[in-house]
Amino acid sequence: TAVNTEMITVASKSIGIRVKNKEGKFVCYNLIEKQNE
């Protein structure tokens, strides 16, 4: 049962890097989103 049980690990947080958006404001651009496997 354990071997045949698929266990999916997901990211508990989104993780990103600081970038400037089109308005010149600094934002975080998420390269990894919360709940990504």
PDB file of all heavy atoms in Angstrom:
ATOM      1  N   THR A   1       0.826  -1.209   0.000  1.00  0.00           N
ATOM      2  CA  THR A   1       0.000   0.000   0.000  1.00  0.00           C
ATOM      3  C   THR A   1       0.857   1.255   0.000  1.00  0.00           C
ATOM      4  O   THR A   1       0.604   2.208  -0.737  1.00  0.00           O
ATOM      5  CB  THR A   1      -0.932   0.012   1.231  1.00  0.00           C
ATOM      6  OG1 THR A   1      -1.797  -1.125   1.178  1.00  0.00           O
ATOM      7  CG2 THR A   1      -1.771   1.287   1.259  1.00  0.00           C
ATOM      8  N   ALA A   2       1.910   1.243   0.839  1.00  0.00           N
ATOM      9  CA  ALA A   2       2.797   2.412   0.924  1.00  0.00           C
ATOM     10  C   ALA A   2       3.503   2.659  -0.399  1.00  0.00           C
ATOM     11  O   ALA A   2       3.622   3.798  -0.854  1.00  0.00           O
ATOM     12  CB  ALA A   2       3.820   2.217   2.042  1.00  0.00           C
ATOM     13  N   VAL A   3       3.957   1.592  -1.028  1.00  0.00           N
ATOM     14  CA  VAL A   3       4.694   1.714  -2.292  1.00  0.00           C
ATOM     15  C   VAL A   3       3.788   2.231  -3.409  1.00  0.00           C
ATOM     16  O   VAL A   3       4.218   3.009  -4.261  1.00  0.00           O
ATOM     17  CB  VAL A   3       5.319   0.363  -2.685  1.00  0.00           C
ATOM     18  CG1 VAL A   3       5.871   0.408  -4.109  1.00  0.00           C
ATOM     19  CG2 VAL A   3       6.428  -0.010  -1.699  1.00  0.00           C
ATOM     20  N   ASN A   4       2.529   1.825  -3.376  1.00  0.00           N
ATOM     21  CA  ASN A   4       1.599   2.201  -4.439  1.00  0.00           C
ATOM     22  C   ASN A   4       0.842   3.491  -4.159  1.00  0.00           C
ATOM     23  O   ASN A   4      -0.004   3.904  -4.951  1.00  0.00           O
ATOM     24  CB  ASN A   4       0.591   1.064  -4.676  1.00  0.00           C
ATOM     25  CG  ASN A   4       1.250  -0.169  -5.266  1.00  0.00           C
ATOM     26  OD1 ASN A   4       2.191  -0.059  -6.050  1.00  0.00           O
ATOM     27  ND2 ASN A   4       0.779  -1.340  -4.876  1.00  0.00           N
ATOM     28  N   THR A   5       1.126   4.107  -3.014  1.00  0.00           N
ATOM     29  CA  THR A   5       0.476   5.379  -2.672  1.00  0.00           C
ATOM     30  C   THR A   5       1.313   6.524  -3.204  1.00  0.00           C
ATOM     31  O   THR A   5       2.495   6.668  -2.859  1.00  0.00           O
ATOM     32  CB  THR A   5       0.318   5.522  -1.151  1.00  0.00           C
ATOM     33  OG1 THR A   5      -0.513   4.466  -0.667  1.00  0.00           O
ATOM     34  CG2 THR A   5      -0.325   6.866  -0.812  1.00  0.00           C
ATOM     35  N   GLU A   6       0.714   7.336  -4.042  1.00  0.00           N
ATOM     36  CA  GLU A   6       1.435   8.477  -4.609  1.00  0.00           C
ATOM     37  C   GLU A   6       1.356   9.652  -3.641  1.00  0.00           C
ATOM     38  O   GLU A   6       0.270  10.098  -3.263  1.00  0.00           O
ATOM     39  CB  GLU A   6       0.836   8.891  -5.950  1.00  0.00           C
ATOM     40  CG  GLU A   6       1.591  10.035  -6.610  1.00  0.00           C
ATOM     41  CD  GLU A   6       0.977  10.459  -7.937  1.00  0.00           C
ATOM     42  OE1 GLU A   6      -0.103   9.944  -8.281  1.00  0.00           O
ATOM     43  OE2 GLU A   6       1.574  11.304  -8.610  1.00  0.00           O
ATOM     44  N   MET A   7       2.495  10.142  -3.229  1.00  0.00           N
ATOM     45  CA  MET A   7       2.551  11.275  -2.308  1.00  0.00           C
ATOM     46  C   MET A   7       3.161  12.464  -3.049  1.00  0.00           C
ATOM     47  O   MET A   7       4.272  12.382  -3.567  1.00  0.00           O
ATOM     48  CB  MET A   7       3.373  10.923  -1.065  1.00  0.00           C
ATOM     49  CG  MET A   7       2.844   9.708  -0.325  1.00  0.00           C
ATOM     50  SD  MET A   7       3.670   9.411   1.252  1.00  0.00           S
ATOM     51  CE  MET A   7       3.044  10.754   2.235  1.00  0.00           C
ATOM     52  N   ILE A   8       2.405  13.537  -3.090  1.00  0.00           N
ATOM     53  CA  ILE A   8       2.830  14.718  -3.835  1.00  0.00           C
ATOM     54  C   ILE A   8       3.258  15.809  -2.862  1.00  0.00           C
ATOM     55  O   ILE A   8       2.490  16.205  -1.980  1.00  0.00           O
ATOM     56  CB  ILE A   8       1.692  15.236  -4.736  1.00  0.00           C
ATOM     57  CG1 ILE A   8       1.277  14.149  -5.739  1.00  0.00           C
ATOM     58  CG2 ILE A   8       2.119  16.499  -5.471  1.00  0.00           C
ATOM     59  CD1 ILE A   8       0.063  14.515  -6.551  1.00  0.00           C
ATOM     60  N   THR A   9       4.478  16.275  -3.010  1.00  0.00           N
ATOM     61  CA  THR A   9       4.980  17.388  -2.205  1.00  0.00           C
ATOM     62  C   THR A   9       4.808  18.673  -3.004  1.00  0.00           C
ATOM     63  O   THR A   9       5.127  18.724  -4.188  1.00  0.00           O
ATOM     64  CB  THR A   9       6.471  17.190  -1.864  1.00  0.00           C
ATOM     65  OG1 THR A   9       6.634  15.944  -1.197  1.00  0.00           O
ATOM     66  CG2 THR A   9       6.965  18.313  -0.959  1.00  0.00           C
ATOM     67  N   VAL A  10       4.276  19.694  -2.337  1.00  0.00           N
ATOM     68  CA  VAL A  10       4.071  20.972  -3.020  1.00  0.00           C
ATOM     69  C   VAL A  10       4.769  22.092  -2.248  1.00  0.00           C
ATOM     70  O   VAL A  10       5.070  21.958  -1.066  1.00  0.00           O
ATOM     71  CB  VAL A  10       2.573  21.301  -3.166  1.00  0.00           C
ATOM     72  CG1 VAL A  10       1.871  20.256  -4.013  1.00  0.00           C
ATOM     73  CG2 VAL A  10       1.891  21.421  -1.801  1.00  0.00           C
ATOM     74  N   ALA A  11       5.008  23.175  -2.947  1.00  0.00           N
ATOM     75  CA  ALA A  11       5.632  24.341  -2.320  1.00  0.00           C
ATOM     76  C   ALA A  11       4.621  25.009  -1.394  1.00  0.00           C
ATOM     77  O   ALA A  11       3.488  25.272  -1.786  1.00  0.00           O
ATOM     78  CB  ALA A  11       6.098  25.322  -3.384  1.00  0.00           C
ATOM     79  N   SER A  12       5.023  25.277  -0.167  1.00  0.00           N
ATOM     80  CA  SER A  12       4.114  25.896   0.795  1.00  0.00           C
ATOM     81  C   SER A  12       4.047  27.410   0.618  1.00  0.00           C
ATOM     82  O   SER A  12       3.140  28.065   1.138  1.00  0.00           O
ATOM     83  CB  SER A  12       4.563  25.572   2.222  1.00  0.00           C
ATOM     84  OG  SER A  12       5.868  26.080   2.463  1.00  0.00           O
ATOM     85  N   LYS A  13       5.005  27.972  -0.121  1.00  0.00           N
ATOM     86  CA  LYS A  13       5.039  29.417  -0.378  1.00  0.00           C
ATOM     87  C   LYS A  13       5.387  29.648  -1.845  1.00  0.00           C
ATOM     88  O   LYS A  13       5.990  28.804  -2.497  1.00  0.00           O
ATOM     89  CB  LYS A  13       6.110  30.095   0.484  1.00  0.00           C
ATOM     90  CG  LYS A  13       5.920  29.963   1.988  1.00  0.00           C
ATOM     91  CD  LYS A  13       4.938  30.960   2.518  1.00  0.00           C
ATOM     92  CE  LYS A  13       4.886  30.915   4.050  1.00  0.00           C
ATOM     93  NZ  LYS A  13       3.894  31.874   4.583  1.00  0.00           N
ATOM     94  N   SER A  14       5.014  30.814  -2.328  1.00  0.00           N
ATOM     95  CA  SER A  14       5.529  31.254  -3.621  1.00  0.00           C
ATOM     96  C   SER A  14       6.903  31.870  -3.376  1.00  0.00           C
ATOM     97  O   SER A  14       7.144  32.488  -2.335  1.00  0.00           O
ATOM     98  CB  SER A  14       4.601  32.291  -4.248  1.00  0.00           C
ATOM     99  OG  SER A  14       3.369  31.710  -4.614  1.00  0.00           O
ATOM    100  N   ILE A  15       7.813  31.703  -4.331  1.00  0.00           N
ATOM    101  CA  ILE A  15       9.167  32.240  -4.195  1.00  0.00           C
ATOM    102  C   ILE A  15       9.508  32.999  -5.465  1.00  0.00           C
ATOM    103  O   ILE A  15       9.311  32.498  -6.579  1.00  0.00           O
ATOM    104  CB  ILE A  15      10.207  31.128  -3.968  1.00  0.00           C
ATOM    105  CG1 ILE A  15       9.766  30.219  -2.820  1.00  0.00           C
ATOM    106  CG2 ILE A  15      11.573  31.723  -3.667  1.00  0.00           C
ATOM    107  CD1 ILE A  15      10.651  29.010  -2.627  1.00  0.00           C
ATOM    108  N   GLY A  16       9.991  34.219  -5.303  1.00  0.00           N
ATOM    109  CA  GLY A  16      10.271  35.031  -6.475  1.00  0.00           C
ATOM    110  C   GLY A  16      11.461  35.945  -6.285  1.00  0.00           C
ATOM    111  O   GLY A  16      12.145  35.925  -5.262  1.00  0.00           O
ATOM    112  N   ILE A  17      11.693  36.763  -7.302  1.00  0.00           N
ATOM    113  CA  ILE A  17      12.843  37.670  -7.306  1.00  0.00           C
ATOM    114  C   ILE A  17      12.361  39.086  -7.565  1.00  0.00           C
ATOM    115  O   ILE A  17      11.353  39.305  -8.247  1.00  0.00           O
ATOM    116  CB  ILE A  17      13.878  37.232  -8.368  1.00  0.00           C
ATOM    117  CG1 ILE A  17      15.206  37.949  -8.156  1.00  0.00           C
ATOM    118  CG2 ILE A  17      13.343  37.419  -9.791  1.00  0.00           C
ATOM    119  CD1 ILE A  17      16.360  37.284  -8.871  1.00  0.00           C
ATOM    120  N   ARG A  18      13.076  40.048  -7.013  1.00  0.00           N
ATOM    121  CA  ARG A  18      12.671  41.444  -7.186  1.00  0.00           C
ATOM    122  C   ARG A  18      12.948  41.915  -8.607  1.00  0.00           C
ATOM    123  O   ARG A  18      14.043  41.745  -9.137  1.00  0.00           O
ATOM    124  CB  ARG A  18      13.433  42.348  -6.206  1.00  0.00           C
ATOM    125  CG  ARG A  18      12.866  43.768  -6.148  1.00  0.00           C
ATOM    126  CD  ARG A  18      13.766  44.689  -5.362  1.00  0.00           C
ATOM    127  NE  ARG A  18      14.971  45.046  -6.114  1.00  0.00           N
ATOM    128  CZ  ARG A  18      15.813  46.010  -5.750  1.00  0.00           C
ATOM    129  NH1 ARG A  18      15.586  46.702  -4.637  1.00  0.00           N
ATOM    130  NH2 ARG A  18      16.882  46.272  -6.477  1.00  0.00           N
ATOM    131  N   VAL A  19      11.913  42.522  -9.224  1.00  0.00           N
ATOM    132  CA  VAL A  19      12.053  43.103 -10.559  1.00  0.00           C
ATOM    133  C   VAL A  19      11.281  44.419 -10.582  1.00  0.00           C
ATOM    134  O   VAL A  19      10.464  44.699  -9.713  1.00  0.00           O
ATOM    135  CB  VAL A  19      11.504  42.159 -11.664  1.00  0.00           C
ATOM    136  CG1 VAL A  19      12.219  40.826 -11.653  1.00  0.00           C
ATOM    137  CG2 VAL A  19      10.001  41.957 -11.504  1.00  0.00           C
ATOM    138  N   LYS A  20      11.546  45.220 -11.603  1.00  0.00           N
ATOM    139  CA  LYS A  20      10.763  46.431 -11.830  1.00  0.00           C
ATOM    140  C   LYS A  20       9.648  46.115 -12.807  1.00  0.00           C
ATOM    141  O   LYS A  20       9.888  45.510 -13.865  1.00  0.00           O
ATOM    142  CB  LYS A  20      11.643  47.543 -12.420  1.00  0.00           C
ATOM    143  CG  LYS A  20      12.415  48.351 -11.405  1.00  0.00           C
ATOM    144  CD  LYS A  20      13.157  49.488 -12.108  1.00  0.00           C
ATOM    145  CE  LYS A  20      13.935  50.333 -11.104  1.00  0.00           C
ATOM    146  NZ  LYS A  20      14.685  51.434 -11.793  1.00  0.00           N
ATOM    147  N   ASN A  21       8.418  46.533 -12.465  1.00  0.00           N
ATOM    148  CA  ASN A  21       7.342  46.318 -13.421  1.00  0.00           C
ATOM    149  C   ASN A  21       7.313  47.450 -14.442  1.00  0.00           C
ATOM    150  O   ASN A  21       8.182  48.335 -14.439  1.00  0.00           O
ATOM    151  CB  ASN A  21       5.991  46.162 -12.707  1.00  0.00           C
ATOM    152  CG  ASN A  21       5.577  47.416 -11.955  1.00  0.00           C
ATOM    153  OD1 ASN A  21       6.121  48.498 -12.165  1.00  0.00           O
ATOM    154  ND2 ASN A  21       4.597  47.278 -11.076  1.00  0.00           N
ATOM    155  N   LYS A  22       6.321  47.454 -15.317  1.00  0.00           N
ATOM    156  CA  LYS A  22       6.264  48.441 -16.400  1.00  0.00           C
ATOM    157  C   LYS A  22       6.098  49.864 -15.888  1.00  0.00           C
ATOM    158  O   LYS A  22       6.434  50.832 -16.574  1.00  0.00           O
ATOM    159  CB  LYS A  22       5.118  48.098 -17.359  1.00  0.00           C
ATOM    160  CG  LYS A  22       5.315  46.781 -18.107  1.00  0.00           C
ATOM    161  CD  LYS A  22       6.583  46.800 -18.938  1.00  0.00           C
ATOM    162  CE  LYS A  22       6.771  45.508 -19.699  1.00  0.00           C
ATOM    163  NZ  LYS A  22       8.029  45.503 -20.485  1.00  0.00           N
ATOM    164  N   GLU A  23       5.571  49.993 -14.663  1.00  0.00           N
ATOM    165  CA  GLU A  23       5.402  51.328 -14.080  1.00  0.00           C
ATOM    166  C   GLU A  23       6.637  51.781 -13.306  1.00  0.00           C
ATOM    167  O   GLU A  23       6.638  52.852 -12.696  1.00  0.00           O
ATOM    168  CB  GLU A  23       4.184  51.337 -13.146  1.00  0.00           C
ATOM    169  CG  GLU A  23       2.838  51.225 -13.850  1.00  0.00           C
ATOM    170  CD  GLU A  23       2.594  49.831 -14.400  1.00  0.00           C
ATOM    171  OE1 GLU A  23       2.914  48.855 -13.688  1.00  0.00           O
ATOM    172  OE2 GLU A  23       2.115  49.715 -15.551  1.00  0.00           O
ATOM    173  N   GLY A  24       7.683  50.964 -13.309  1.00  0.00           N
ATOM    174  CA  GLY A  24       8.907  51.321 -12.602  1.00  0.00           C
ATOM    175  C   GLY A  24       8.871  51.002 -11.124  1.00  0.00           C
ATOM    176  O   GLY A  24       9.762  51.392 -10.375  1.00  0.00           O
ATOM    177  N   LYS A  25       7.850  50.267 -10.684  1.00  0.00           N
ATOM    178  CA  LYS A  25       7.727  49.911  -9.272  1.00  0.00           C
ATOM    179  C   LYS A  25       8.356  48.535  -9.038  1.00  0.00           C
ATOM    180  O   LYS A  25       8.194  47.614  -9.836  1.00  0.00           O
ATOM    181  CB  LYS A  25       6.248  49.873  -8.878  1.00  0.00           C
ATOM    182  CG  LYS A  25       5.993  49.407  -7.453  1.00  0.00           C
ATOM    183  CD  LYS A  25       4.492  49.267  -7.205  1.00  0.00           C
ATOM    184  CE  LYS A  25       4.236  48.690  -5.819  1.00  0.00           C
ATOM    185  NZ  LYS A  25       2.788  48.464  -5.571  1.00  0.00           N
ATOM    186  N   PHE A  26       9.072  48.394  -7.913  1.00  0.00           N
ATOM    187  CA  PHE A  26       9.651  47.098  -7.572  1.00  0.00           C
ATOM    188  C   PHE A  26       8.551  46.159  -7.083  1.00  0.00           C
ATOM    189  O   PHE A  26       7.750  46.514  -6.199  1.00  0.00           O
ATOM    190  CB  PHE A  26      10.724  47.245  -6.493  1.00  0.00           C
ATOM    191  CG  PHE A  26      12.042  47.731  -7.024  1.00  0.00           C
ATOM    192  CD1 PHE A  26      12.570  48.944  -6.596  1.00  0.00           C
ATOM    193  CD2 PHE A  26      12.755  46.976  -7.936  1.00  0.00           C
ATOM    194  CE1 PHE A  26      13.791  49.393  -7.082  1.00  0.00           C
ATOM    195  CE2 PHE A  26      13.976  47.415  -8.428  1.00  0.00           C
ATOM    196  CZ  PHE A  26      14.493  48.636  -8.002  1.00  0.00           C
ATOM    197  N   VAL A  27       8.524  44.961  -7.644  1.00  0.00           N
ATOM    198  CA  VAL A  27       7.593  43.921  -7.223  1.00  0.00           C
ATOM    199  C   VAL A  27       8.360  42.606  -7.140  1.00  0.00           C
ATOM    200  O   VAL A  27       9.515  42.517  -7.572  1.00  0.00           O
ATOM    201  CB  VAL A  27       6.405  43.764  -8.207  1.00  0.00           C
ATOM    202  CG1 VAL A  27       5.565  45.028  -8.253  1.00  0.00           C
ATOM    203  CG2 VAL A  27       6.900  43.383  -9.604  1.00  0.00           C
ATOM    204  N   CYS A  28       7.719  41.593  -6.594  1.00  0.00           N
ATOM    205  CA  CYS A  28       8.297  40.246  -6.584  1.00  0.00           C
ATOM    206  C   CYS A  28       7.666  39.460  -7.720  1.00  0.00           C
ATOM    207  O   CYS A  28       6.441  39.355  -7.816  1.00  0.00           O
ATOM    208  CB  CYS A  28       8.026  39.563  -5.247  1.00  0.00           C
ATOM    209  SG  CYS A  28       8.568  37.840  -5.188  1.00  0.00           S
ATOM    210  N   TYR A  29       8.502  38.923  -8.604  1.00  0.00           N
ATOM    211  CA  TYR A  29       8.026  38.069  -9.693  1.00  0.00           C
ATOM    212  C   TYR A  29       8.232  36.626  -9.252  1.00  0.00           C
ATOM    213  O   TYR A  29       9.361  36.179  -9.056  1.00  0.00           O
ATOM    214  CB  TYR A  29       8.781  38.354 -10.983  1.00  0.00           C
ATOM    215  CG  TYR A  29       8.258  37.584 -12.177  1.00  0.00           C
ATOM    216  CD1 TYR A  29       7.294  38.133 -13.015  1.00  0.00           C
ATOM    217  CD2 TYR A  29       8.714  36.294 -12.454  1.00  0.00           C
ATOM    218  CE1 TYR A  29       6.800  37.413 -14.099  1.00  0.00           C
ATOM    219  CE2 TYR A  29       8.226  35.562 -13.528  1.00  0.00           C
ATOM    220  CZ  TYR A  29       7.262  36.138 -14.348  1.00  0.00           C
ATOM    221  OH  TYR A  29       6.769  35.426 -15.415  1.00  0.00           O
ATOM    222  N   ASN A  30       7.140  35.886  -9.082  1.00  0.00           N
ATOM    223  CA  ASN A  30       7.215  34.517  -8.565  1.00  0.00           C
ATOM    224  C   ASN A  30       7.599  33.528  -9.659  1.00  0.00           C
ATOM    225  O   ASN A  30       6.831  33.310 -10.604  1.00  0.00           O
ATOM    226  CB  ASN A  30       5.870  34.112  -7.954  1.00  0.00           C
ATOM    227  CG  ASN A  30       5.586  34.847  -6.658  1.00  0.00           C
ATOM    228  OD1 ASN A  30       6.499  35.156  -5.900  1.00  0.00           O
ATOM    229  ND2 ASN A  30       4.325  35.136  -6.410  1.00  0.00           N
ATOM    230  N   LEU A  31       8.775  32.933  -9.528  1.00  0.00           N
ATOM    231  CA  LEU A  31       9.173  31.872 -10.441  1.00  0.00           C
ATOM    232  C   LEU A  31       8.628  30.530  -9.980  1.00  0.00           C
ATOM    233  O   LEU A  31       8.416  29.628 -10.786  1.00  0.00           O
ATOM    234  CB  LEU A  31      10.695  31.807 -10.566  1.00  0.00           C
ATOM    235  CG  LEU A  31      11.302  32.842 -11.534  1.00  0.00           C
ATOM    236  CD1 LEU A  31      11.591  34.134 -10.817  1.00  0.00           C
ATOM    237  CD2 LEU A  31      12.553  32.302 -12.172  1.00  0.00           C
ATOM    238  N   ILE A  32       8.440  30.380  -8.675  1.00  0.00           N
ATOM    239  CA  ILE A  32       7.798  29.187  -8.127  1.00  0.00           C
ATOM    240  C   ILE A  32       6.560  29.654  -7.386  1.00  0.00           C
ATOM    241  O   ILE A  32       6.634  30.531  -6.521  1.00  0.00           O
ATOM    242  CB  ILE A  32       8.743  28.427  -7.182  1.00  0.00           C
ATOM    243  CG1 ILE A  32       9.910  27.837  -7.987  1.00  0.00           C
ATOM    244  CG2 ILE A  32       7.999  27.324  -6.428  1.00  0.00           C
ATOM    245  CD1 ILE A  32      10.965  27.171  -7.146  1.00  0.00           C
ATOM    246  N   GLU A  33       5.416  29.086  -7.742  1.00  0.00           N
ATOM    247  CA  GLU A  33       4.166  29.502  -7.120  1.00  0.00           C
ATOM    248  C   GLU A  33       3.736  28.522  -6.042  1.00  0.00           C
ATOM    249  O   GLU A  33       4.009  27.322  -6.116  1.00  0.00           O
ATOM    250  CB  GLU A  33       3.056  29.626  -8.172  1.00  0.00           C
ATOM    251  CG  GLU A  33       3.284  30.764  -9.150  1.00  0.00           C
ATOM    252  CD  GLU A  33       2.113  30.949 -10.093  1.00  0.00           C
ATOM    253  OE1 GLU A  33       0.956  30.899  -9.634  1.00  0.00           O
ATOM    254  OE2 GLU A  33       2.354  31.130 -11.308  1.00  0.00           O
ATOM    255  N   LYS A  34       3.091  29.061  -5.038  1.00  0.00           N
ATOM    256  CA  LYS A  34       2.533  28.241  -3.965  1.00  0.00           C
ATOM    257  C   LYS A  34       1.702  27.113  -4.564  1.00  0.00           C
ATOM    258  O   LYS A  34       0.935  27.329  -5.485  1.00  0.00           O
ATOM    259  CB  LYS A  34       1.662  29.135  -3.081  1.00  0.00           C
ATOM    260  CG  LYS A  34       1.092  28.480  -1.825  1.00  0.00           C
ATOM    261  CD  LYS A  34       0.189  29.464  -1.118  1.00  0.00           C
ATOM    262  CE  LYS A  34      -0.485  28.856   0.099  1.00  0.00           C
ATOM    263  NZ  LYS A  34       0.218  29.162   1.345  1.00  0.00           N
ATOM    264  N   GLN A  35       1.892  25.919  -4.027  1.00  0.00           N
ATOM    265  CA  GLN A  35       1.205  24.699  -4.450  1.00  0.00           C
ATOM    266  C   GLN A  35       1.810  24.069  -5.704  1.00  0.00           C
ATOM    267  O   GLN A  35       1.300  23.057  -6.178  1.00  0.00           O
ATOM    268  CB  GLN A  35      -0.304  24.926  -4.669  1.00  0.00           C
ATOM    269  CG  GLN A  35      -1.049  25.430  -3.447  1.00  0.00           C
ATOM    270  CD  GLN A  35      -0.956  24.492  -2.246  1.00  0.00           C
ATOM    271  OE1 GLN A  35      -1.022  23.286  -2.407  1.00  0.00           O
ATOM    272  NE2 GLN A  35      -0.794  25.036  -1.056  1.00  0.00           N
ATOM    273  N   ASN A  36       2.888  24.634  -6.258  1.00  0.00           N
ATOM    274  CA  ASN A  36       3.600  23.943  -7.335  1.00  0.00           C
ATOM    275  C   ASN A  36       4.163  22.631  -6.792  1.00  0.00           C
ATOM    276  O   ASN A  36       4.694  22.583  -5.673  1.00  0.00           O
ATOM    277  CB  ASN A  36       4.760  24.790  -7.855  1.00  0.00           C
ATOM    278  CG  ASN A  36       4.330  25.854  -8.852  1.00  0.00           C
ATOM    279  OD1 ASN A  36       5.106  26.716  -9.204  1.00  0.00           O
ATOM    280  ND2 ASN A  36       3.095  25.805  -9.319  1.00  0.00           N
ATOM    281  N   GLU A  37       4.082  21.580  -7.599  1.00  0.00           N
ATOM    282  CA  GLU A  37       4.646  20.300  -7.182  1.00  0.00           C
ATOM    283  C   GLU A  37       6.166  20.384  -7.186  1.00  0.00           C
ATOM    284  O   GLU A  37       6.766  20.972  -8.071  1.00  0.00           O
ATOM    285  CB  GLU A  37       4.171  19.199  -8.128  1.00  0.00           C
ATOM    286  CG  GLU A  37       4.559  17.806  -7.700  1.00  0.00           C
ATOM    287  CD  GLU A  37       3.985  16.727  -8.602  1.00  0.00           C
ATOM    288  OE1 GLU A  37       3.024  17.024  -9.339  1.00  0.00           O
ATOM    289  OE2 GLU A  37       4.505  15.587  -8.568  1.00  0.00           O
TER     290      GLU A  37
END
